[in-house]
Amino acid sequence: MLLDELLNDFPRERFLREHYQRSPYSGRAAAERLLKLGSWDTIDTLIEQTECDLLLARQGVPYTGARPRTAKEARELFAQGYTFALRQPDQHHAELSELARTFSAELHGRINLHIYCTPAGHHGFGWHCDPEEVFILQTTGRKDYLLRENTLHPVPLPDAMPNGALAAKETTPVETRSLGAGDFIYIPAGHWHMAQAPEEAISISIGLMAPTLLDVLDLVRATLASNPTWRKRLPSLGRASDLDDARKLELLRTLGAQLGGELQRALSDPMLPLRFLAQTAQFYLRSAGLRGGGR
């Protein structure tokens, strides 16, 4: 398994029990075959031959210029201190696509893959947290990761993310994990972190968005939406309605009770777990697939 390659000789069962979705883990990876994917050759190819999304930032400030189209233009910005974040390169590169799909299949989640390239003595992004479980393989150079537990907004979602100002109010202790080429770190979803590069550094970051109970509810909602009963519009509840406030409230309570009963029946369907696993797995793998312009 790919996860076993990253964990090297650390038991997968112990990692899932003690660290996954709980606490950071770092160590020497056994995934030597992946190091070539995080290289300047890969970065140059993605910049020059694909439409891979490229985000640049220097000391926490985003770059506002045009996307570099040649390796030379990119290297010039890099020399000025800009960190590169190539976002979702797996949609443009066959081997990275296979990496994303394999990881998705092993841990069951949607993949958000990045390649980061940071100049020596710089950092691209300040303190932040991610909604995904983050697995990072250092492929070139060295990087220091500053980590601290998030007690202020510990379970973020993509549509409910804290900003950097909140991170500044955190009081938990800061720890540092140093990674060299071939090392690996896991950062749980919601954990505050920031990376600094004492020397030129390239890394592959695999963000995995594990499903939540809200995703189960979304599947049930889609099922209910296929029934005309639950698509039916409510009567007028505005000022022109012939219902007084008491009757409006009573109507909504009655309909809410009926909907609650239907939700309970849907959630109790013995086939729901199987449908949820099958549909989410298919969606996750499809979202990590190779797009046009790949190699």
Protein backbone atom coordinates (compact mmCIF):
# COMPACT_ATOMS: atom_id res chain seq x y z
CA MET A 1 0.00 0.00 0.00
CA LEU A 2 1.08 3.58 -0.70
CA LEU A 3 0.35 4.55 2.90
CA ASP A 4 2.67 1.78 4.05
CA GLU A 5 5.41 3.19 1.80
CA LEU A 6 5.05 6.59 3.42
CA LEU A 7 4.98 5.15 6.93
CA ASN A 8 8.02 2.97 6.20
CA ASP A 9 8.34 0.56 9.15
CA PHE A 10 5.74 2.31 11.34
CA PRO A 11 2.69 0.00 11.60
CA ARG A 12 -0.29 1.24 9.61
CA GLU A 13 -2.74 0.04 12.28
CA ARG A 14 -0.90 2.04 14.93
CA PHE A 15 -0.85 5.15 12.73
CA LEU A 16 -4.62 4.92 12.13
CA ARG A 17 -5.27 4.33 15.82
CA GLU A 18 -2.93 6.90 17.37
CA HIS A 19 -2.36 9.63 14.75
CA TYR A 20 -4.92 9.70 11.94
CA GLN A 21 -7.37 12.56 12.63
CA ARG A 22 -5.69 13.01 16.02
CA SER A 23 -2.05 14.13 16.10
CA PRO A 24 0.88 14.86 13.74
CA TYR A 25 3.32 12.15 12.70
CA SER A 26 6.65 12.46 10.92
CA GLY A 27 9.39 10.06 9.90
CA ARG A 28 11.48 8.69 7.08
CA ALA A 29 9.35 7.49 4.16
CA ALA A 30 10.06 4.39 2.09
CA ALA A 31 8.48 5.91 -1.06
CA GLU A 32 11.73 6.58 -2.90
CA ARG A 33 9.96 6.03 -6.25
CA LEU A 34 7.86 9.16 -5.63
CA LEU A 35 10.77 11.55 -5.15
CA LYS A 36 11.17 12.13 -8.89
CA LEU A 37 7.58 13.37 -9.06
CA GLY A 38 8.52 16.32 -6.86
CA SER A 39 11.32 17.69 -9.03
CA TRP A 40 12.08 20.72 -11.19
CA ASP A 41 11.57 18.52 -14.27
CA THR A 42 7.98 17.84 -13.22
CA ILE A 43 7.40 21.50 -12.29
CA ASP A 44 8.82 22.77 -15.59
CA THR A 45 6.63 20.34 -17.56
CA LEU A 46 3.48 21.34 -15.67
CA ILE A 47 4.17 25.06 -16.17
CA GLU A 48 5.13 24.91 -19.84
CA GLN A 49 3.00 22.08 -21.23
CA THR A 50 -0.24 22.19 -19.19
CA GLU A 51 -2.78 24.63 -17.79
CA CYS A 52 -2.09 23.50 -14.23
CA ASP A 53 -3.24 26.14 -11.74
CA LEU A 54 -0.26 27.96 -10.22
CA LEU A 55 -0.41 30.05 -7.05
CA LEU A 56 2.59 32.17 -6.03
CA ALA A 57 3.18 33.93 -2.72
CA ARG A 58 6.10 35.52 -0.88
CA GLN A 59 6.17 35.83 2.90
CA GLY A 60 2.42 35.35 3.03
CA VAL A 61 1.62 37.92 0.30
CA PRO A 62 0.06 36.54 -2.93
CA TYR A 63 1.63 37.33 -6.31
CA THR A 64 -0.72 39.39 -8.48
CA GLY A 65 1.05 39.20 -11.82
CA ALA A 66 0.39 36.94 -14.79
CA ARG A 67 1.01 33.21 -14.53
CA PRO A 68 4.52 32.34 -15.77
CA ARG A 69 4.37 30.35 -19.01
CA THR A 70 7.99 29.22 -19.25
CA ALA A 71 10.42 27.60 -16.87
CA LYS A 72 12.67 30.65 -17.22
CA GLU A 73 9.91 33.03 -16.10
CA ALA A 74 9.08 30.75 -13.18
CA ARG A 75 12.71 30.49 -12.07
CA GLU A 76 13.05 34.27 -12.13
CA LEU A 77 10.09 34.64 -9.76
CA PHE A 78 11.48 31.86 -7.60
CA ALA A 79 14.79 33.74 -7.39
CA GLN A 80 12.83 36.77 -6.13
CA GLY A 81 11.56 34.70 -3.18
CA TYR A 82 8.21 33.46 -4.46
CA THR A 83 6.90 30.08 -3.35
CA PHE A 84 5.11 28.06 -6.02
CA ALA A 85 1.99 26.03 -5.28
CA LEU A 86 0.97 23.94 -8.27
CA ARG A 87 -2.64 23.06 -7.48
CA GLN A 88 -4.21 19.77 -8.56
CA PRO A 89 -1.33 18.80 -10.86
CA ASP A 90 -2.77 15.28 -10.78
CA GLN A 91 -5.36 16.47 -13.31
CA HIS A 92 -2.56 17.10 -15.81
CA HIS A 93 0.07 14.44 -15.10
CA ALA A 94 -0.48 10.68 -15.39
CA GLU A 95 1.82 9.55 -12.55
CA LEU A 96 0.50 12.20 -10.16
CA SER A 97 -3.04 11.18 -11.14
CA GLU A 98 -2.25 7.59 -10.24
CA LEU A 99 -0.80 8.78 -6.93
CA ALA A 100 -3.98 10.69 -6.10
CA ARG A 101 -6.32 7.87 -7.10
CA THR A 102 -4.35 5.30 -5.14
CA PHE A 103 -4.38 7.43 -2.01
CA SER A 104 -8.09 8.11 -2.39
CA ALA A 105 -8.84 4.41 -2.69
CA GLU A 106 -6.77 3.52 0.37
CA LEU A 107 -8.20 6.12 2.79
CA HIS A 108 -11.55 6.93 1.11
CA GLY A 109 -11.66 10.64 0.52
CA ARG A 110 -11.44 13.39 -2.05
CA ILE A 111 -7.87 14.32 -2.95
CA ASN A 112 -6.50 17.86 -3.15
CA LEU A 113 -2.91 17.43 -4.35
CA HIS A 114 -0.31 20.22 -4.50
CA ILE A 115 3.37 20.54 -5.30
CA TYR A 116 5.15 23.23 -3.28
CA CYS A 117 8.49 24.75 -4.24
CA THR A 118 9.94 27.21 -1.70
CA PRO A 119 13.13 29.32 -2.02
CA ALA A 120 15.78 29.12 0.67
CA GLY A 121 15.11 31.40 3.62
CA HIS A 122 11.47 32.04 2.71
CA HIS A 123 7.96 30.91 3.45
CA GLY A 124 5.03 31.24 1.10
CA PHE A 125 2.08 31.07 3.47
CA GLY A 126 1.61 32.07 7.10
CA TRP A 127 -0.14 30.22 9.93
CA HIS A 128 -3.22 28.38 8.65
CA CYS A 129 -5.10 25.12 8.89
CA ASP A 130 -6.63 22.87 6.25
CA PRO A 131 -9.96 21.03 6.15
CA GLU A 132 -8.15 17.97 4.77
CA GLU A 133 -5.92 15.36 6.33
CA VAL A 134 -2.53 16.46 4.93
CA PHE A 135 0.23 14.02 3.95
CA ILE A 136 3.48 15.69 2.81
CA LEU A 137 6.46 14.00 1.18
CA GLN A 138 9.60 16.14 1.11
CA THR A 139 11.29 15.44 -2.23
CA THR A 140 14.07 18.05 -2.38
CA GLY A 141 15.91 20.14 0.22
CA ARG A 142 14.76 20.81 3.78
CA LYS A 143 11.70 22.33 5.36
CA ASP A 144 10.76 23.11 8.96
CA TYR A 145 7.10 22.69 9.89
CA LEU A 146 5.77 24.68 12.82
CA LEU A 147 2.74 22.95 14.32
CA ARG A 148 0.24 23.73 17.04
CA GLU A 149 -3.08 22.23 18.11
CA ASN A 150 -6.20 24.11 17.05
CA THR A 151 -8.52 24.65 20.02
CA LEU A 152 -10.36 27.66 18.55
CA HIS A 153 -11.86 26.09 15.41
CA PRO A 154 -10.80 22.43 15.57
CA VAL A 155 -13.06 20.82 12.93
CA PRO A 156 -13.03 23.08 9.85
CA LEU A 157 -14.95 22.43 6.65
CA PRO A 158 -14.22 23.96 3.22
CA ASP A 159 -17.20 26.30 3.65
CA ALA A 160 -16.43 27.08 7.31
CA MET A 161 -12.74 27.92 7.52
CA PRO A 162 -11.02 30.13 10.15
CA ASN A 163 -8.71 32.92 8.99
CA GLY A 164 -5.13 33.66 9.93
CA ALA A 165 -6.23 36.23 12.50
CA LEU A 166 -7.76 33.44 14.56
CA ALA A 167 -4.52 31.46 14.40
CA ALA A 168 -2.73 34.43 16.02
CA LYS A 169 -5.01 34.07 19.05
CA GLU A 170 -4.12 30.42 19.63
CA THR A 171 -2.26 29.69 22.87
CA THR A 172 -1.27 26.04 22.44
CA PRO A 173 2.47 25.18 22.39
CA VAL A 174 4.34 25.33 19.08
CA GLU A 175 6.48 22.38 18.01
CA THR A 176 8.84 22.10 15.06
CA ARG A 177 9.34 19.09 12.80
CA SER A 178 12.26 19.25 10.33
CA LEU A 179 12.02 17.31 7.07
CA GLY A 180 14.80 16.45 4.65
CA ALA A 181 14.51 14.88 1.21
CA GLY A 182 12.68 11.58 1.56
CA ASP A 183 11.00 12.47 4.86
CA PHE A 184 7.27 12.49 5.41
CA ILE A 185 4.85 14.32 7.70
CA TYR A 186 1.15 13.91 8.43
CA ILE A 187 -0.82 16.94 9.71
CA PRO A 188 -4.39 16.30 10.91
CA ALA A 189 -7.26 18.37 9.52
CA GLY A 190 -7.64 21.60 11.46
CA HIS A 191 -4.13 21.55 12.95
CA TRP A 192 -2.43 24.96 12.69
CA HIS A 193 0.82 24.86 10.72
CA MET A 194 3.34 26.95 8.82
CA ALA A 195 6.39 25.87 6.82
CA GLN A 196 9.77 27.56 6.54
CA ALA A 197 12.55 26.58 4.14
CA PRO A 198 16.14 27.01 5.38
CA GLU A 199 17.21 25.74 1.96
CA GLU A 200 15.51 25.35 -1.43
CA ALA A 201 12.70 22.85 -0.93
CA ILE A 202 10.16 20.92 -3.01
CA SER A 203 7.39 18.78 -1.55
CA ILE A 204 4.28 16.89 -2.62
CA SER A 205 1.25 17.59 -0.43
CA ILE A 206 -1.66 15.16 -0.55
CA GLY A 207 -4.75 16.60 1.11
CA LEU A 208 -7.49 14.06 1.77
CA MET A 209 -11.00 15.32 2.54
CA ALA A 210 -12.57 12.45 4.45
CA PRO A 211 -16.38 12.27 4.33
CA THR A 212 -18.48 13.61 7.19
CA LEU A 213 -21.95 12.77 8.47
CA LEU A 214 -23.12 15.84 6.58
CA ASP A 215 -22.17 13.99 3.38
CA VAL A 216 -24.47 11.15 4.43
CA LEU A 217 -27.21 13.72 4.88
CA ASP A 218 -26.51 15.10 1.39
CA LEU A 219 -27.09 11.63 -0.06
CA VAL A 220 -30.40 11.34 1.81
CA ARG A 221 -31.38 14.81 0.60
CA ALA A 222 -30.72 13.76 -3.00
CA THR A 223 -32.94 10.73 -2.44
CA LEU A 224 -35.77 12.83 -1.02
CA ALA A 225 -35.43 15.30 -3.90
CA SER A 226 -36.48 12.54 -6.31
CA ASN A 227 -39.90 12.46 -4.61
CA PRO A 228 -42.34 15.21 -5.76
CA THR A 229 -43.77 15.36 -2.23
CA TRP A 230 -40.59 16.98 -0.90
CA ARG A 231 -40.17 19.26 -3.90
CA LYS A 232 -43.57 20.80 -3.35
CA ARG A 233 -43.45 24.51 -2.53
CA LEU A 234 -44.71 25.87 0.75
CA PRO A 235 -47.80 28.12 0.69
CA SER A 236 -47.37 31.88 0.94
CA LEU A 237 -45.83 32.78 4.28
CA GLY A 238 -45.41 36.50 3.63
CA ARG A 239 -47.50 39.46 4.64
CA ALA A 240 -50.08 38.70 1.94
CA SER A 241 -50.82 35.25 3.37
CA ASP A 242 -54.25 34.51 4.78
CA LEU A 243 -52.55 32.59 7.60
CA ASP A 244 -51.81 34.40 10.84
CA ASP A 245 -48.45 33.89 12.55
CA ALA A 246 -49.76 31.15 14.86
CA ARG A 247 -51.11 29.11 11.91
CA LYS A 248 -47.88 29.62 9.93
CA LEU A 249 -45.85 28.24 12.83
CA GLU A 250 -48.22 25.31 13.29
CA LEU A 251 -47.99 24.49 9.57
CA LEU A 252 -44.20 24.50 9.65
CA ARG A 253 -44.14 22.34 12.79
CA THR A 254 -46.44 19.79 11.15
CA LEU A 255 -44.43 19.67 7.92
CA GLY A 256 -41.18 19.54 9.90
CA ALA A 257 -42.44 16.53 11.85
CA GLN A 258 -43.39 14.78 8.61
CA LEU A 259 -39.97 15.52 7.11
CA GLY A 260 -38.26 14.30 10.28
CA GLY A 261 -40.09 10.99 10.03
CA GLU A 262 -39.10 10.61 6.39
CA LEU A 263 -35.48 11.41 7.21
CA GLN A 264 -35.50 8.80 9.96
CA ARG A 265 -36.83 6.17 7.56
CA ALA A 266 -34.23 7.09 4.96
CA LEU A 267 -31.37 7.01 7.48
CA SER A 268 -32.57 3.61 8.71
CA ASP A 269 -32.48 2.09 5.22
CA PRO A 270 -30.08 -0.89 5.51
CA MET A 271 -28.81 -0.20 1.97
CA LEU A 272 -27.82 3.41 2.73
CA PRO A 273 -24.29 2.63 4.01
CA LEU A 274 -23.52 0.53 0.92
CA ARG A 275 -24.86 3.21 -1.43
CA PHE A 276 -22.88 5.87 0.42
CA LEU A 277 -19.60 3.95 0.18
CA ALA A 278 -20.11 3.11 -3.50
CA GLN A 279 -21.17 6.59 -4.62
CA THR A 280 -18.52 8.50 -2.67
CA ALA A 281 -15.72 6.16 -3.78
CA GLN A 282 -16.75 6.61 -7.41
CA PHE A 283 -16.94 10.39 -7.02
CA TYR A 284 -13.54 10.63 -5.28
CA LEU A 285 -11.77 8.56 -7.92
CA ARG A 286 -13.41 10.44 -10.77
CA SER A 287 -12.43 13.81 -9.30
CA ALA A 288 -8.77 12.72 -9.18
CA GLY A 289 -8.75 11.57 -12.80
CA LEU A 290 -6.48 12.89 -15.52
CA ARG A 291 -7.88 15.86 -17.45
CA GLY A 292 -7.13 17.01 -20.97
CA GLY A 293 -3.58 18.15 -21.63
CA GLY A 294 -1.99 15.54 -19.38
CA ARG A 295 1.12 13.58 -20.14
